[in-house]
Amino acid sequence: MKKIIYSLLFFFLAGNSIAQQTPADKQTTDYSIEGATAHLGNGKIIENALVMFSNGKIVFVGNANAKIARRGTIINAKGKHIYPGFIATNATLGLVEIDAVKASDDEDEIGANNPHVRSLVAYNAESKVVESMRPNGVLMAQITPRGGTISGTSSVVQLDAWNWEDAAIKTDDAIHINWPSSFTSGRWWLGEDPALKPDKNYPKKINDIQSYFANAKTYLASNTDKAHLPYEATKGLFNGSQKLFIHVNGQKEITDAITIIKELGIENIVIVHGDEADKVADLLVKNNIAVVLERPHRNPNNEDDAYDYTYTIAKVLTDKGIVVALGMEGQMERMNTRNLPFYAGTFAAFGLDKEVALQLLTSNSAKILGIDDFVGTLEVGKDATLFVSEGDALDMRTNILTDVFIQGRKISLETHQTKLWKRYSNKYKTK
């Protein structure tokens, strides 16, 4: 019995030693941050700014020369920069901890059509990967399922919480669908021809999607007593309370997706990935459809694309009047999510105005996710989810955070990575 008790005690202590630090308590102390350059997240800047917040909400945003009493603790941020918290759209943070450990991988559900699967309930608020986002200013994320044709339902969370219930700031915001490609290629590792060729099954795949949503619509209009949970989960798409995020690339595919989905009576559409979205920009503008781009640090998909296509597409779409955000799907996506601001910085380096590039992570993301009434910009009445950086937050050389707040709660910047850095820094300093 003693051995059992000691073993349980060991695993309890070991588990607590590697867990995420305790989430911050609810804000009880008011804060006034003055002297910084405030990047409001809507394209505007205030030099020598004063930002005050109380009870988790921003109560003043203006010039520090304003004759107004400072509230609570005063943070002198002269020479620094203050930003709204960055939002990672289309991310899988908290759904996978270690890719090689199957028990920690919960991003993909069995089956092809799973609109009823909720990613939120699988979100691990104590993920070490999640806590490593905050030192770069990524404070919120849309937690999105992967796999299948209809992957499931995403939710939006803030990244300092005890559990998924505490983390959620918008539940079940959207359903995600992976649109098929009109081209296919052989499996080169089996000796098949790897060249692209038209997919003869493309029409059938589209027909299957049409049939699924048509059947769901018919079910919702019926008076049947037999519950069909997947069909019931699509209700928000038809009454407008949910958005449909269509993960799709290609001019033909984007056009097909918009045309077919709108014919089914689904109006709230967002295009995700969006390679060649610039070729159908007028269609996107006409239907008021936003685009969540992939991160730009990758090669173009097509041989005839310009070398800098992935770097300039954000400016092209933005200049057309399309609301653009930055997504994180792709290779090593969870680890790379911490680099979100630097991907926006790449868009800025290739022609996009820097404050507009910032909007891809703030106001645009908030608008697309339907949370812009309380986050996304530094405005009175919105959540005090913000951070102070020593320099430009879109530049990895100067994105050095000194103060971070989520809903007014002062957040620790300590992570497993910073602990290791300090540990080995001290080791080599002694020699």
Protein backbone atom coordinates (compact mmCIF):
# COMPACT_ATOMS: atom_id res chain seq x y z
CA MET A 1 0.00 0.00 0.00
CA LYS A 2 2.86 2.38 0.81
CA LYS A 3 4.41 1.73 -2.58
CA ILE A 4 1.10 2.54 -4.26
CA ILE A 5 0.69 5.76 -2.27
CA TYR A 6 4.28 6.85 -2.97
CA SER A 7 3.85 6.06 -6.66
CA LEU A 8 0.65 8.09 -6.86
CA LEU A 9 2.30 10.94 -4.97
CA PHE A 10 5.27 10.87 -7.35
CA PHE A 11 3.08 11.05 -10.45
CA PHE A 12 0.97 13.80 -8.89
CA LEU A 13 4.04 15.92 -8.12
CA ALA A 14 5.62 15.15 -11.48
CA GLY A 15 2.44 16.10 -13.27
CA ASN A 16 2.21 19.39 -11.41
CA SER A 17 5.87 20.19 -12.03
CA ILE A 18 5.38 20.14 -15.80
CA ALA A 19 1.93 21.73 -15.91
CA GLN A 20 1.22 25.19 -17.21
CA GLN A 21 1.54 27.97 -14.65
CA THR A 22 -1.58 28.98 -12.76
CA PRO A 23 -3.90 31.24 -14.81
CA ALA A 24 -4.08 34.83 -13.64
CA ASP A 25 -6.83 35.93 -11.25
CA LYS A 26 -9.63 38.25 -12.29
CA GLN A 27 -8.53 41.88 -12.52
CA THR A 28 -8.88 43.72 -9.22
CA THR A 29 -6.25 46.44 -9.75
CA ASP A 30 -6.80 49.17 -12.32
CA TYR A 31 -3.98 49.90 -14.78
CA SER A 32 -2.84 52.97 -16.69
CA ILE A 33 -0.28 52.47 -19.45
CA GLU A 34 1.21 55.74 -20.65
CA GLY A 35 3.84 57.01 -23.03
CA ALA A 36 3.74 54.17 -25.56
CA THR A 37 2.84 54.34 -29.23
CA ALA A 38 -0.62 52.75 -29.38
CA HIS A 39 -1.43 50.69 -32.46
CA LEU A 40 -5.21 50.57 -32.23
CA GLY A 41 -5.64 47.62 -34.59
CA ASN A 42 -7.94 49.52 -36.95
CA GLY A 43 -5.17 51.19 -38.97
CA LYS A 44 -4.75 54.14 -36.60
CA ILE A 45 -1.88 55.07 -34.28
CA ILE A 46 -1.71 57.32 -31.21
CA GLU A 47 1.73 58.62 -30.30
CA ASN A 48 2.44 59.13 -26.59
CA ALA A 49 -0.74 57.29 -25.72
CA LEU A 50 -2.60 56.65 -22.51
CA VAL A 51 -4.60 53.42 -22.16
CA MET A 52 -6.51 52.69 -18.95
CA PHE A 53 -8.57 49.66 -18.03
CA SER A 54 -10.65 48.48 -15.11
CA ASN A 55 -12.60 45.29 -14.37
CA GLY A 56 -11.33 43.72 -17.55
CA LYS A 57 -12.51 46.53 -19.84
CA ILE A 58 -10.76 49.46 -21.50
CA VAL A 59 -12.04 52.74 -20.02
CA PHE A 60 -9.81 55.28 -21.79
CA VAL A 61 -7.73 55.46 -24.95
CA GLY A 62 -6.16 58.79 -25.88
CA ASN A 63 -3.14 61.05 -25.66
CA ALA A 64 -1.06 60.95 -22.48
CA ASN A 65 -1.18 64.75 -22.35
CA ALA A 66 -4.88 64.55 -21.55
CA LYS A 67 -5.67 66.06 -18.16
CA ILE A 68 -7.33 63.00 -16.70
CA ALA A 69 -6.67 61.18 -13.45
CA ARG A 70 -4.66 57.99 -13.88
CA ARG A 71 -6.19 54.82 -12.53
CA GLY A 72 -4.50 52.30 -10.27
CA THR A 73 -1.03 51.04 -11.17
CA ILE A 74 0.77 53.26 -13.67
CA ILE A 75 3.02 51.55 -16.22
CA ASN A 76 5.55 53.87 -17.84
CA ALA A 77 5.84 52.58 -21.41
CA LYS A 78 7.66 55.53 -22.95
CA GLY A 79 9.48 54.42 -26.10
CA LYS A 80 7.49 51.18 -26.26
CA HIS A 81 4.46 50.04 -28.27
CA ILE A 82 1.04 48.81 -27.18
CA TYR A 83 -1.11 46.48 -29.29
CA PRO A 84 -4.41 44.62 -29.10
CA GLY A 85 -3.90 40.91 -28.44
CA PHE A 86 -3.22 38.97 -31.64
CA ILE A 87 -5.76 36.39 -32.82
CA ALA A 88 -4.71 33.13 -34.49
CA THR A 89 -7.44 32.15 -36.95
CA ASN A 90 -7.86 28.53 -38.14
CA ALA A 91 -5.45 27.03 -35.59
CA THR A 92 -5.28 23.68 -33.80
CA LEU A 93 -3.67 24.89 -30.57
CA GLY A 94 -4.53 22.66 -27.63
CA LEU A 95 -5.75 19.80 -29.80
CA VAL A 96 -2.35 18.14 -30.22
CA GLU A 97 0.50 18.23 -27.72
CA ILE A 98 3.06 15.88 -29.27
CA ASP A 99 2.50 14.80 -32.87
CA ALA A 100 4.22 11.45 -32.36
CA VAL A 101 2.09 10.56 -29.32
CA LYS A 102 -1.31 9.40 -30.54
CA ALA A 103 -2.97 9.80 -27.14
CA SER A 104 -2.24 13.56 -27.26
CA ASP A 105 -3.61 14.02 -30.79
CA ASP A 106 -7.29 15.01 -30.91
CA GLU A 107 -7.55 17.20 -34.00
CA ASP A 108 -9.24 14.74 -36.37
CA GLU A 109 -12.41 12.69 -35.77
CA ILE A 110 -13.29 9.41 -37.47
CA GLY A 111 -15.73 9.79 -40.37
CA ALA A 112 -16.13 12.09 -43.35
CA ASN A 113 -18.98 14.40 -42.24
CA ASN A 114 -18.81 15.57 -38.63
CA PRO A 115 -20.49 18.99 -38.29
CA HIS A 116 -21.57 17.98 -34.77
CA VAL A 117 -18.01 17.40 -33.52
CA ARG A 118 -16.97 20.31 -31.27
CA SER A 119 -13.26 21.02 -31.11
CA LEU A 120 -13.72 23.07 -27.94
CA VAL A 121 -14.35 20.09 -25.65
CA ALA A 122 -11.01 18.58 -26.72
CA TYR A 123 -9.06 21.82 -26.11
CA ASN A 124 -6.25 21.38 -23.57
CA ALA A 125 -5.92 24.67 -21.69
CA GLU A 126 -2.75 23.39 -19.96
CA SER A 127 -0.87 22.72 -23.18
CA LYS A 128 2.77 23.77 -23.09
CA VAL A 129 2.43 24.70 -26.75
CA VAL A 130 -0.44 27.07 -25.94
CA GLU A 131 1.46 28.91 -23.23
CA SER A 132 4.39 29.49 -25.60
CA MET A 133 2.16 31.70 -27.79
CA ARG A 134 1.77 34.50 -25.27
CA PRO A 135 5.36 35.84 -25.24
CA ASN A 136 4.87 36.85 -28.90
CA GLY A 137 1.49 38.51 -28.32
CA VAL A 138 -0.78 35.70 -29.58
CA LEU A 139 -3.48 35.82 -26.91
CA MET A 140 -6.57 34.35 -28.63
CA ALA A 141 -7.21 31.62 -31.17
CA GLN A 142 -9.92 29.94 -33.21
CA ILE A 143 -9.58 26.26 -32.31
CA THR A 144 -10.39 24.35 -35.49
CA PRO A 145 -10.79 20.61 -36.19
CA ARG A 146 -9.14 18.93 -39.15
CA GLY A 147 -9.81 15.99 -41.44
CA GLY A 148 -12.70 14.55 -43.42
CA THR A 149 -14.98 16.52 -45.70
CA ILE A 150 -16.85 18.33 -42.92
CA SER A 151 -14.28 18.51 -40.13
CA GLY A 152 -16.49 19.85 -37.35
CA THR A 153 -17.17 23.00 -35.39
CA SER A 154 -14.60 25.52 -34.17
CA SER A 155 -14.67 27.84 -31.17
CA VAL A 156 -12.65 30.89 -30.12
CA VAL A 157 -10.65 30.88 -26.90
CA GLN A 158 -8.36 33.14 -24.91
CA LEU A 159 -5.02 31.57 -24.04
CA ASP A 160 -4.88 31.78 -20.24
CA ALA A 161 -7.45 29.51 -18.62
CA TRP A 162 -7.99 26.61 -16.23
CA ASN A 163 -10.06 24.60 -18.69
CA TRP A 164 -11.95 24.87 -21.97
CA GLU A 165 -15.02 26.31 -20.26
CA ASP A 166 -12.98 29.20 -18.84
CA ALA A 167 -11.08 29.63 -22.10
CA ALA A 168 -14.09 29.99 -24.42
CA ILE A 169 -14.96 33.51 -25.60
CA LYS A 170 -17.19 32.37 -28.48
CA THR A 171 -18.47 28.82 -28.73
CA ASP A 172 -19.27 27.01 -31.98
CA ASP A 173 -18.55 30.02 -34.17
CA ALA A 174 -18.23 28.10 -37.46
CA ILE A 175 -18.37 24.77 -39.26
CA HIS A 176 -15.39 23.82 -41.43
CA ILE A 177 -15.51 21.99 -44.75
CA ASN A 178 -12.64 20.80 -46.94
CA TRP A 179 -13.57 21.40 -50.57
CA PRO A 180 -12.20 18.83 -53.04
CA SER A 181 -9.67 19.71 -55.74
CA SER A 182 -10.58 19.35 -59.41
CA PHE A 183 -7.12 17.88 -60.01
CA THR A 184 -5.40 14.79 -58.69
CA SER A 185 -1.96 13.22 -58.96
CA GLY A 186 -0.57 9.73 -58.70
CA ARG A 187 1.25 8.41 -55.64
CA TRP A 188 4.86 8.67 -56.69
CA TRP A 189 6.00 6.43 -53.85
CA LEU A 190 4.01 3.60 -55.48
CA GLY A 191 5.44 4.29 -58.91
CA GLU A 192 2.33 6.15 -60.14
CA ASP A 193 2.52 9.22 -62.38
CA PRO A 194 2.88 12.24 -60.05
CA ALA A 195 1.75 14.74 -62.71
CA LEU A 196 -1.47 16.64 -62.07
CA LYS A 197 -4.50 15.61 -64.11
CA PRO A 198 -8.23 16.33 -63.92
CA ASP A 199 -9.99 14.36 -61.19
CA LYS A 200 -12.82 12.37 -62.79
CA ASN A 201 -14.43 12.01 -59.36
CA TYR A 202 -14.61 15.76 -58.73
CA PRO A 203 -18.26 16.11 -59.87
CA LYS A 204 -19.29 13.20 -57.64
CA LYS A 205 -17.50 14.70 -54.63
CA ILE A 206 -19.32 18.00 -55.16
CA ASN A 207 -22.62 16.18 -55.58
CA ASP A 208 -22.03 14.38 -52.27
CA ILE A 209 -21.55 17.73 -50.53
CA GLN A 210 -24.68 19.15 -52.14
CA SER A 211 -26.70 16.11 -51.15
CA TYR A 212 -25.48 16.21 -47.56
CA PHE A 213 -26.46 19.83 -46.97
CA ALA A 214 -29.70 19.46 -48.94
CA ASN A 215 -30.65 16.49 -46.76
CA ALA A 216 -29.73 18.46 -43.65
CA LYS A 217 -31.92 21.34 -44.78
CA THR A 218 -34.82 18.98 -45.44
CA TYR A 219 -34.37 17.35 -42.03
CA LEU A 220 -34.39 20.72 -40.24
CA ALA A 221 -37.63 21.66 -42.00
CA SER A 222 -39.31 18.37 -41.07
CA ASN A 223 -41.17 17.41 -37.91
CA THR A 224 -39.44 14.09 -37.37
CA ASP A 225 -39.02 12.86 -33.81
CA LYS A 226 -35.89 10.90 -34.67
CA ALA A 227 -32.83 13.00 -33.85
CA HIS A 228 -29.97 13.27 -36.33
CA LEU A 229 -27.20 15.07 -34.48
CA PRO A 230 -24.98 15.87 -37.50
CA TYR A 231 -27.90 17.44 -39.38
CA GLU A 232 -29.05 19.34 -36.29
CA ALA A 233 -25.55 20.78 -35.95
CA THR A 234 -25.93 22.56 -39.31
CA LYS A 235 -28.91 24.61 -38.15
CA GLY A 236 -26.77 27.69 -37.54
CA LEU A 237 -25.59 27.68 -41.15
CA PHE A 238 -29.12 28.02 -42.46
CA ASN A 239 -30.41 30.58 -39.92
CA GLY A 240 -27.26 32.73 -40.23
CA SER A 241 -25.98 32.33 -36.67
CA GLN A 242 -22.94 30.34 -37.79
CA LYS A 243 -20.42 30.75 -40.57
CA LEU A 244 -19.18 28.13 -42.99
CA PHE A 245 -15.41 28.17 -43.40
CA ILE A 246 -14.59 26.58 -46.75
CA HIS A 247 -11.00 25.33 -46.96
CA VAL A 248 -10.34 25.58 -50.69
CA ASN A 249 -7.69 26.47 -53.25
CA GLY A 250 -8.00 27.18 -56.97
CA GLN A 251 -10.02 29.57 -59.12
CA LYS A 252 -12.49 26.92 -60.29
CA GLU A 253 -12.87 25.35 -56.87
CA ILE A 254 -13.49 28.69 -55.10
CA THR A 255 -16.07 29.65 -57.72
CA ASP A 256 -17.80 26.27 -57.46
CA ALA A 257 -17.82 26.38 -53.67
CA ILE A 258 -19.37 29.86 -53.45
CA THR A 259 -21.96 29.15 -56.14
CA ILE A 260 -23.08 25.80 -54.77
CA ILE A 261 -23.09 26.73 -51.08
CA LYS A 262 -25.10 29.89 -51.70
CA GLU A 263 -27.60 27.91 -53.79
CA LEU A 264 -28.13 25.76 -50.72
CA GLY A 265 -29.18 28.85 -48.74
CA ILE A 266 -25.98 29.29 -46.72
CA GLU A 267 -24.97 32.96 -46.79
CA ASN A 268 -22.23 33.41 -44.18
CA ILE A 269 -19.17 32.08 -45.98
CA VAL A 270 -15.43 32.50 -45.34
CA ILE A 271 -12.76 31.21 -47.73
CA VAL A 272 -9.75 29.58 -46.05
CA HIS A 273 -6.37 29.12 -47.80
CA GLY A 274 -7.57 30.94 -50.93
CA ASP A 275 -4.78 30.34 -53.41
CA GLU A 276 -5.98 32.04 -56.64
CA ALA A 277 -8.57 34.01 -54.67
CA ASP A 278 -7.14 37.06 -56.40
CA LYS A 279 -8.45 35.67 -59.70
CA VAL A 280 -12.03 35.66 -58.36
CA ALA A 281 -11.75 38.83 -56.27
CA ASP A 282 -14.81 40.41 -57.88
CA LEU A 283 -16.92 37.38 -56.92
CA LEU A 284 -15.68 37.62 -53.34
CA VAL A 285 -16.43 41.34 -53.15
CA LYS A 286 -19.88 40.88 -54.69
CA ASN A 287 -20.80 38.29 -52.06
CA ASN A 288 -19.02 40.04 -49.17
CA ILE A 289 -16.81 37.03 -48.49
CA ALA A 290 -13.68 37.29 -46.35
CA VAL A 291 -10.50 35.27 -46.88
CA VAL A 292 -8.25 33.61 -44.29
CA LEU A 293 -4.91 33.22 -46.03
CA GLU A 294 -2.29 30.59 -45.30
CA ARG A 295 0.96 31.80 -43.83
CA PRO A 296 3.25 33.21 -46.54
CA HIS A 297 6.49 31.33 -45.75
CA ARG A 298 5.97 28.64 -48.38
CA ASN A 299 6.44 28.09 -52.09
CA PRO A 300 3.62 28.99 -54.52
CA ASN A 301 1.39 26.04 -55.46
CA ASN A 302 1.54 26.55 -59.22
CA GLU A 303 4.56 26.51 -61.52
CA ASP A 304 3.45 29.69 -63.28
CA ASP A 305 2.94 31.71 -60.08
CA ALA A 306 5.32 34.58 -59.37
CA TYR A 307 8.04 33.71 -56.89
CA ASP A 308 6.59 36.20 -54.40
CA TYR A 309 2.94 35.25 -54.93
CA THR A 310 2.44 34.04 -51.36
CA TYR A 311 4.02 37.25 -50.03
CA THR A 312 1.94 39.71 -52.07
CA ILE A 313 -1.52 38.11 -52.21
CA ALA A 314 -2.58 39.81 -48.95
CA LYS A 315 -2.03 43.26 -50.49
CA VAL A 316 -3.77 42.29 -53.74
CA LEU A 317 -6.89 41.10 -51.92
CA THR A 318 -6.87 43.98 -49.44
CA ASP A 319 -6.59 46.53 -52.26
CA LYS A 320 -9.70 44.93 -53.79
CA GLY A 321 -11.63 45.65 -50.59
CA ILE A 322 -11.67 42.08 -49.26
CA VAL A 323 -11.38 41.50 -45.51
CA VAL A 324 -8.28 39.35 -45.01
CA ALA A 325 -6.99 37.48 -41.96
CA LEU A 326 -4.02 35.18 -41.44
CA GLY A 327 -4.51 31.47 -40.72
CA MET A 328 -2.08 28.88 -39.40
CA GLU A 329 -2.94 25.56 -41.07
CA GLY A 330 0.02 23.66 -42.46
CA GLN A 331 3.23 21.90 -41.56
CA MET A 332 4.15 22.14 -37.86
CA GLU A 333 1.23 24.52 -37.49
CA ARG A 334 0.90 24.51 -33.71
CA MET A 335 4.56 25.25 -33.07
CA ASN A 336 4.59 27.85 -35.85
CA THR A 337 1.55 29.70 -34.53
CA ARG A 338 3.84 31.65 -32.22
CA ASN A 339 5.35 33.20 -35.35
CA LEU A 340 1.99 34.66 -36.41
CA PRO A 341 3.09 38.32 -36.08
CA PHE A 342 6.19 37.70 -38.18
CA TYR A 343 4.14 36.24 -41.03
CA ALA A 344 2.11 39.46 -41.01
CA GLY A 345 5.42 41.29 -41.02
CA THR A 346 6.35 39.46 -44.23
CA PHE A 347 3.16 40.71 -45.88
CA ALA A 348 4.16 44.22 -44.77
CA ALA A 349 7.65 43.76 -46.24
CA PHE A 350 6.06 42.98 -49.60
CA GLY A 351 3.89 46.04 -49.97
CA LEU A 352 1.10 45.87 -47.41
CA ASP A 353 0.97 48.90 -45.11
CA LYS A 354 2.24 47.86 -41.71
CA GLU A 355 -0.87 48.97 -39.82
CA VAL A 356 -3.03 47.16 -42.38
CA ALA A 357 -0.87 44.04 -41.91
CA LEU A 358 -1.53 44.37 -38.19
CA GLN A 359 -5.27 44.27 -38.89
CA LEU A 360 -4.86 40.75 -40.29
CA LEU A 361 -4.19 39.67 -36.69
CA THR A 362 -6.54 42.03 -34.87
CA SER A 363 -9.65 43.78 -36.19
CA ASN A 364 -9.98 41.70 -39.38
CA SER A 365 -9.67 38.41 -37.51
CA ALA A 366 -12.14 39.61 -34.89
CA LYS A 367 -14.62 40.66 -37.57
CA ILE A 368 -14.38 37.35 -39.42
CA LEU A 369 -14.83 35.41 -36.17
CA GLY A 370 -17.72 37.57 -35.03
CA ILE A 371 -16.00 38.82 -31.87
CA ASP A 372 -15.21 42.36 -33.00
CA ASP A 373 -17.73 43.87 -30.59
CA PHE A 374 -15.44 43.09 -27.65
CA VAL A 375 -11.89 42.41 -28.95
CA GLY A 376 -9.64 43.20 -31.90
CA THR A 377 -8.98 46.90 -31.29
CA LEU A 378 -7.97 49.24 -28.49
CA GLU A 379 -11.31 50.96 -27.89
CA VAL A 380 -13.28 52.00 -24.84
CA GLY A 381 -15.67 49.26 -23.73
CA LYS A 382 -13.70 46.39 -25.26
CA ASP A 383 -11.81 43.72 -23.37
CA ALA A 384 -8.44 44.75 -22.02
CA THR A 385 -6.69 41.99 -23.98
CA LEU A 386 -3.49 43.72 -25.02
CA PHE A 387 0.26 43.78 -24.62
CA VAL A 388 3.24 46.12 -24.47
CA SER A 389 6.29 45.45 -26.62
CA GLU A 390 9.70 47.10 -26.53
CA GLY A 391 9.55 47.52 -30.31
CA ASP A 392 7.69 46.62 -33.49
CA ALA A 393 5.64 43.50 -32.73
CA LEU A 394 5.74 42.38 -36.38
CA ASP A 395 9.54 42.19 -36.34
CA MET A 396 11.09 39.20 -34.57
CA ARG A 397 14.11 41.31 -33.62
CA THR A 398 12.07 43.81 -31.63
CA ASN A 399 8.99 41.83 -30.54
CA ILE A 400 10.02 41.72 -26.90
CA LEU A 401 7.00 41.82 -24.61
CA THR A 402 7.15 43.43 -21.18
CA ASP A 403 3.50 43.42 -20.08
CA VAL A 404 0.58 41.23 -21.19
CA PHE A 405 -3.07 41.38 -20.18
CA ILE A 406 -6.01 39.14 -21.06
CA GLN A 407 -9.39 40.57 -20.04
CA GLY A 408 -7.49 42.89 -17.72
CA ARG A 409 -5.65 40.04 -15.98
CA LYS A 410 -1.88 40.46 -15.86
CA ILE A 411 -0.42 37.39 -17.55
CA SER A 412 2.89 35.69 -16.79
CA LEU A 413 5.31 35.48 -19.70
CA GLU A 414 7.05 32.51 -18.12
CA THR A 415 6.84 29.30 -20.19
CA HIS A 416 8.57 25.94 -20.36
CA GLN A 417 10.81 27.42 -23.06
CA THR A 418 11.82 30.47 -21.02
CA LYS A 419 12.60 28.24 -18.05
CA LEU A 420 14.89 26.10 -20.20
CA TRP A 421 16.53 29.22 -21.65
CA LYS A 422 17.27 30.56 -18.17
CA ARG A 423 18.47 27.17 -16.97
CA TYR A 424 21.03 26.73 -19.72
CA SER A 425 21.97 30.41 -19.81
CA ASN A 426 22.94 30.12 -16.16
CA LYS A 427 24.83 26.90 -16.85
CA TYR A 428 27.07 28.47 -19.45
CA LYS A 429 27.51 31.72 -17.56
CA THR A 430 29.22 29.83 -14.77
CA LYS A 431 31.96 28.52 -17.05
